[in-house]
Structures are given as structure tokens and as C-alpha cells.
Amino acid sequence: MQAKKWLVVAGFMVVTPALAMQPASVEYSADWSMETADGAVKGKIYQAPNKERREMNNDGEKMVMIMRRDKKLAWNLMPSERMYLEMKMTDPKVGRDDPMNYDVEQTTVGPDTVNGVKTTKSKIIMKEKKPNGSKMGGFWWMTKENIMMKLDVISIDKGRKDRMKMELDNLKIGKQDASLFEVPSGYSKMDMGGMGKMMMGGEGGDAPAGDSAKGAKEKGGFGIKDAMKLLK
């Protein structure tokens, strides 16, 4: 269950920037919640240009996911073990998961307020260009700074529909501590076996690190297509 939640969070973190197209113009922090068919997740989010940190508690254990788009890396921190797992992201400008492989339609609905913050509500539709590709549609609520305050979408893949909702609260715009987006000193790096292979889109959990790394290379890393599948 813990791994499944991390897969959903990782998928969400990759898909959201692709949907938004333009990153937030300011740094900020907020409480965040996400709800899918697999359950609800709550925590904190910290955002800076090309950097994102999400914290959550699962059965009393704190978990942290840091996304470094500037380095094309993501780190899954396990504070209780003082360990971290490193994952490579697919280059957004090349490869099979290029956002240009998707048609994105956006239609403005009008002004709305989300948890005391003024936003613009829009209808969005995201379709993979290849025949019978994945689809995602619904609504998002964006601030003037391009902060996604709320997202309510339904994904469709091979006839199956699944809903995902995300919302921010207690939004605070301001400079974030750079250390939030780094692996703390004293943490040990895990190999890519087991959980690493699963997070990179493989199957099983006990393959040797070499096999996992090879599989990740062949798959081209973790990208939009993988993320959309995880949200189903």
C-alpha cells in the first residue's frame, strides 16, 4: 500500500506540470490533499522554479518526494531510515513522453474562489495523439501566478474511467529554503532493486539492481505516459 501511494504521488507530480504547460511564477508553500480510487493523501507542498517537495504521512511514517526538474531527477526520502531512492525523469523535450505528443485543450469557465484564493476555473482535455491513446479531462483552478489550487479530472484508458481530485489550502507565497529541495546530509542512497524497479515502471520487487537499471534505460525513464497509467 505504501509503494502504491508513492506511485500515485509520483505520477501526479509528473503529470501536473505537463497539464499546466507554464510553471508557477512564484515560490510558495501550502497544505495539499489528493483523492483517487486508491484512497486519500494529505501533506505539505513546497514549490520553487523547477523544484517541488511533497510531504505526507502514511500510517504514522513521514515520507517525502522531491522533484528536481532542473536535474531531471526525483528523490524519494525515507526519514525514519535516513535513506533515499533516486529516480531519473524523462527529458521533457525528447522521447516518447514529450508533452508535444499530447493535444491539450483549455476553455475558460470563469472566476472562482478556492479556499479564500482567487482563481480562474478552466475546462481541460488532454489526449494522446496516437489512435486509441489515453485521455484525461475535467477542470482546474489556477491563480494569476499560475498556481494550480484545485484539479478535478477523469482519466480514460482502454474504456476504464478513474477520477482524481487535488486541492491546496493555506497557500503562502514567498521564498522557500533551498535545503527543502536537497537530499539531507547523512542519508544513504538505495540501489535501484525492488522498490526502485517498481517506481520506474517495472514489475515485481526483488530484481537485481543491474536488471532494474537496464529496464529503466530501455523504458526511457519515468514520464507522462507512465504517470497517467499510475493515476488509473
Protein backbone atom coordinates (compact mmCIF):
# COMPACT_ATOMS: atom_id res chain seq x y z
CA MET A 1 0.00 0.00 0.00
CA GLN A 2 2.84 2.41 0.83
CA ALA A 3 4.51 1.78 -2.53
CA LYS A 4 1.18 2.20 -4.33
CA LYS A 5 0.65 5.60 -2.71
CA TRP A 6 4.14 6.67 -3.75
CA LEU A 7 3.45 5.59 -7.31
CA VAL A 8 0.29 7.71 -7.36
CA VAL A 9 2.10 10.73 -5.89
CA ALA A 10 5.00 10.33 -8.34
CA GLY A 11 2.58 10.08 -11.23
CA PHE A 12 0.73 13.17 -10.10
CA MET A 13 3.95 15.19 -9.80
CA VAL A 14 4.95 14.34 -13.37
CA VAL A 15 1.52 14.82 -14.94
CA THR A 16 0.64 18.18 -13.31
CA PRO A 17 3.38 20.28 -14.98
CA ALA A 18 2.51 18.75 -18.35
CA LEU A 19 -1.10 19.78 -17.89
CA ALA A 20 -0.27 23.29 -16.67
CA MET A 21 2.22 23.88 -19.52
CA GLN A 22 3.51 27.03 -17.75
CA PRO A 23 5.13 26.74 -14.28
CA ALA A 24 4.11 28.93 -11.35
CA SER A 25 5.74 32.36 -11.50
CA VAL A 26 6.33 32.50 -7.73
CA GLU A 27 7.64 30.29 -4.93
CA TYR A 28 5.09 29.06 -2.39
CA SER A 29 4.08 26.52 0.24
CA ALA A 30 0.66 25.05 1.04
CA ASP A 31 -1.24 22.16 2.54
CA TRP A 32 -2.30 19.72 -0.17
CA SER A 33 -4.67 16.81 -0.48
CA MET A 34 -5.24 14.29 -3.23
CA GLU A 35 -8.03 11.77 -3.64
CA THR A 36 -8.12 8.80 -6.02
CA ALA A 37 -9.81 5.41 -6.12
CA ASP A 38 -6.87 4.13 -4.04
CA GLY A 39 -7.63 6.48 -1.17
CA ALA A 40 -6.85 9.95 0.13
CA VAL A 41 -3.44 11.53 0.76
CA LYS A 42 -2.70 14.74 2.70
CA GLY A 43 0.50 16.63 3.34
CA LYS A 44 2.56 19.74 2.55
CA ILE A 45 3.90 21.09 -0.73
CA TYR A 46 6.83 23.45 -1.29
CA GLN A 47 7.43 24.88 -4.76
CA ALA A 48 10.26 26.82 -6.40
CA PRO A 49 11.28 27.16 -10.08
CA ASN A 50 11.83 23.63 -11.47
CA LYS A 51 11.74 22.23 -7.92
CA GLU A 52 8.98 20.65 -5.88
CA ARG A 53 8.74 18.93 -2.50
CA ARG A 54 5.73 16.99 -1.24
CA GLU A 55 5.44 15.56 2.25
CA MET A 56 2.87 13.09 3.51
CA ASN A 57 2.27 10.72 6.40
CA ASN A 58 1.36 7.11 5.79
CA ASP A 59 0.37 5.06 8.85
CA GLY A 60 2.37 7.42 11.05
CA GLU A 61 5.50 7.33 8.89
CA LYS A 62 6.66 10.52 7.19
CA MET A 63 7.51 10.27 3.50
CA VAL A 64 8.99 12.94 1.24
CA MET A 65 9.15 13.20 -2.54
CA ILE A 66 11.43 15.82 -4.11
CA MET A 67 11.16 16.54 -7.82
CA ARG A 68 14.15 18.33 -9.40
CA ARG A 69 13.19 19.09 -12.99
CA ASP A 70 16.37 21.13 -13.40
CA LYS A 71 18.37 17.94 -12.78
CA LYS A 72 15.74 15.62 -14.31
CA LEU A 73 15.79 13.64 -11.06
CA ALA A 74 13.34 12.72 -8.32
CA TRP A 75 14.23 11.63 -4.80
CA ASN A 76 12.05 9.55 -2.51
CA LEU A 77 13.20 10.20 1.08
CA MET A 78 12.57 7.84 3.99
CA PRO A 79 13.44 9.93 7.09
CA SER A 80 12.91 7.09 9.57
CA GLU A 81 15.57 5.05 7.74
CA ARG A 82 17.71 8.03 6.71
CA MET A 83 17.76 6.63 3.19
CA TYR A 84 16.65 7.85 -0.23
CA LEU A 85 15.84 6.43 -3.64
CA GLU A 86 16.86 8.31 -6.79
CA MET A 87 14.81 8.14 -9.99
CA LYS A 88 15.55 9.59 -13.41
CA MET A 89 12.90 11.64 -15.18
CA THR A 90 12.34 11.62 -18.91
CA ASP A 91 13.68 14.71 -20.68
CA PRO A 92 10.52 16.76 -21.42
CA LYS A 93 11.95 17.88 -24.78
CA VAL A 94 12.65 14.46 -26.19
CA GLY A 95 11.44 10.89 -26.06
CA ARG A 96 8.15 9.09 -26.20
CA ASP A 97 6.64 11.11 -23.33
CA ASP A 98 7.16 14.54 -24.87
CA PRO A 99 4.15 16.78 -23.98
CA MET A 100 4.01 17.60 -27.71
CA ASN A 101 2.71 14.06 -28.20
CA TYR A 102 -0.49 15.16 -26.49
CA ASP A 103 -3.23 17.54 -27.61
CA VAL A 104 -4.30 19.82 -24.77
CA GLU A 105 -7.49 21.89 -25.00
CA GLN A 106 -8.29 24.58 -22.43
CA THR A 107 -11.54 26.54 -22.20
CA THR A 108 -12.01 29.29 -19.60
CA VAL A 109 -15.12 28.89 -17.48
CA GLY A 110 -14.75 31.97 -15.29
CA PRO A 111 -13.53 33.37 -11.96
CA ASP A 112 -13.90 31.28 -8.81
CA THR A 113 -12.51 31.21 -5.27
CA VAL A 114 -10.76 28.17 -3.76
CA ASN A 115 -10.10 28.25 -0.01
CA GLY A 116 -10.03 32.04 0.00
CA VAL A 117 -7.78 32.39 -3.06
CA LYS A 118 -9.00 33.99 -6.29
CA THR A 119 -8.64 31.69 -9.28
CA THR A 120 -9.79 31.16 -12.84
CA LYS A 121 -11.64 27.92 -13.48
CA SER A 122 -10.99 26.22 -16.82
CA LYS A 123 -12.11 23.07 -18.57
CA ILE A 124 -9.22 20.92 -19.81
CA ILE A 125 -8.95 17.95 -22.14
CA MET A 126 -5.66 16.10 -22.70
CA LYS A 127 -5.44 13.43 -25.41
CA GLU A 128 -2.57 11.27 -26.56
CA LYS A 129 -2.19 11.83 -30.30
CA LYS A 130 -1.80 8.19 -31.29
CA PRO A 131 -5.02 6.26 -32.13
CA ASN A 132 -6.87 4.97 -29.07
CA GLY A 133 -4.50 6.86 -26.78
CA SER A 134 -5.12 7.81 -23.15
CA LYS A 135 -7.37 10.74 -22.34
CA MET A 136 -7.77 12.99 -19.32
CA GLY A 137 -10.45 15.64 -18.90
CA GLY A 138 -12.04 17.81 -16.25
CA PHE A 139 -11.40 21.16 -14.59
CA TRP A 140 -8.58 23.07 -12.96
CA TRP A 141 -8.48 26.26 -10.92
CA MET A 142 -5.40 28.44 -11.48
CA THR A 143 -4.26 31.64 -9.75
CA LYS A 144 -2.82 34.62 -11.63
CA GLU A 145 0.62 33.31 -10.63
CA ASN A 146 -0.21 30.02 -12.38
CA ILE A 147 -0.56 28.06 -9.13
CA MET A 148 -2.92 25.12 -9.52
CA MET A 149 -5.19 25.46 -6.49
CA LYS A 150 -7.55 22.68 -7.47
CA LEU A 151 -7.78 19.87 -10.02
CA ASP A 152 -10.72 17.55 -10.68
CA VAL A 153 -10.21 15.20 -13.63
CA ILE A 154 -11.28 11.84 -15.02
CA SER A 155 -8.80 9.66 -16.88
CA ILE A 156 -9.91 7.24 -19.58
CA ASP A 157 -7.74 4.39 -20.78
CA LYS A 158 -8.98 1.36 -22.71
CA GLY A 159 -12.55 2.08 -21.65
CA ARG A 160 -11.77 2.39 -17.93
CA LYS A 161 -12.60 5.64 -16.14
CA ASP A 162 -10.98 6.86 -12.93
CA ARG A 163 -11.31 10.14 -11.06
CA MET A 164 -8.60 12.17 -9.33
CA LYS A 165 -9.02 15.28 -7.21
CA MET A 166 -6.33 17.60 -5.80
CA GLU A 167 -6.66 20.76 -3.72
CA LEU A 168 -4.41 23.28 -1.96
CA ASP A 169 -5.16 25.17 1.25
CA ASN A 170 -3.30 27.67 3.46
CA LEU A 171 -1.38 28.98 0.46
CA LYS A 172 1.63 31.12 1.38
CA ILE A 173 3.56 32.82 -1.41
CA GLY A 174 7.19 33.56 -0.62
CA LYS A 175 10.81 32.45 -0.92
CA GLN A 176 11.41 28.81 0.04
CA ASP A 177 14.51 27.46 1.81
CA ALA A 178 16.79 25.89 -0.83
CA SER A 179 17.59 22.99 1.54
CA LEU A 180 13.99 21.75 1.17
CA PHE A 181 14.85 20.58 -2.34
CA GLU A 182 18.05 18.71 -1.50
CA VAL A 183 18.78 15.28 -0.01
CA PRO A 184 19.75 15.89 3.65
CA SER A 185 23.32 15.08 4.64
CA GLY A 186 23.78 11.72 6.29
CA TYR A 187 21.23 9.94 4.07
CA SER A 188 22.29 6.72 2.32
CA LYS A 189 21.36 6.10 -1.31
CA MET A 190 19.38 2.94 -2.05
CA ASP A 191 20.09 0.82 -5.12
CA MET A 192 17.53 0.51 -7.90
CA GLY A 193 16.40 -3.01 -6.99
CA GLY A 194 12.97 -3.78 -5.56
CA MET A 195 11.09 -0.55 -4.98
CA GLY A 196 13.27 1.26 -7.49
CA LYS A 197 12.26 -1.05 -10.31
CA MET A 198 8.59 -0.71 -9.45
CA MET A 199 8.81 3.09 -9.28
CA MET A 200 10.44 3.12 -12.71
CA GLY A 201 7.55 1.22 -14.24
CA GLY A 202 8.84 -2.34 -13.97
CA GLU A 203 7.16 -5.33 -12.43
CA GLY A 204 8.00 -7.29 -9.34
CA GLY A 205 10.06 -6.09 -6.44
CA ASP A 206 13.17 -8.21 -5.93
CA ALA A 207 15.11 -7.95 -9.19
CA PRO A 208 18.85 -7.22 -9.02
CA ALA A 209 19.85 -3.58 -9.25
CA GLY A 210 21.55 -4.14 -12.61
CA ASP A 211 18.40 -5.59 -14.15
CA SER A 212 16.34 -2.71 -12.80
CA ALA A 213 18.70 -0.10 -14.20
CA LYS A 214 18.69 -1.87 -17.57
CA GLY A 215 14.90 -1.97 -17.60
CA ALA A 216 14.66 1.71 -16.73
CA LYS A 217 17.06 2.57 -19.55
CA GLU A 218 15.08 0.55 -22.07
CA LYS A 219 11.83 2.15 -20.98
CA GLY A 220 13.30 5.66 -21.24
CA GLY A 221 12.65 6.65 -17.62
CA PHE A 222 9.52 7.78 -15.85
CA GLY A 223 7.35 10.07 -17.96
CA ILE A 224 3.87 11.38 -18.66
CA LYS A 225 2.55 8.15 -20.14
CA ASP A 226 3.70 6.16 -17.12
CA ALA A 227 2.21 8.74 -14.77
CA MET A 228 -1.18 8.72 -16.45
CA LYS A 229 -1.26 4.93 -16.09
CA LEU A 230 -0.45 5.22 -12.39
CA LEU A 231 -3.42 7.54 -11.91
CA LYS A 232 -5.78 4.84 -13.11
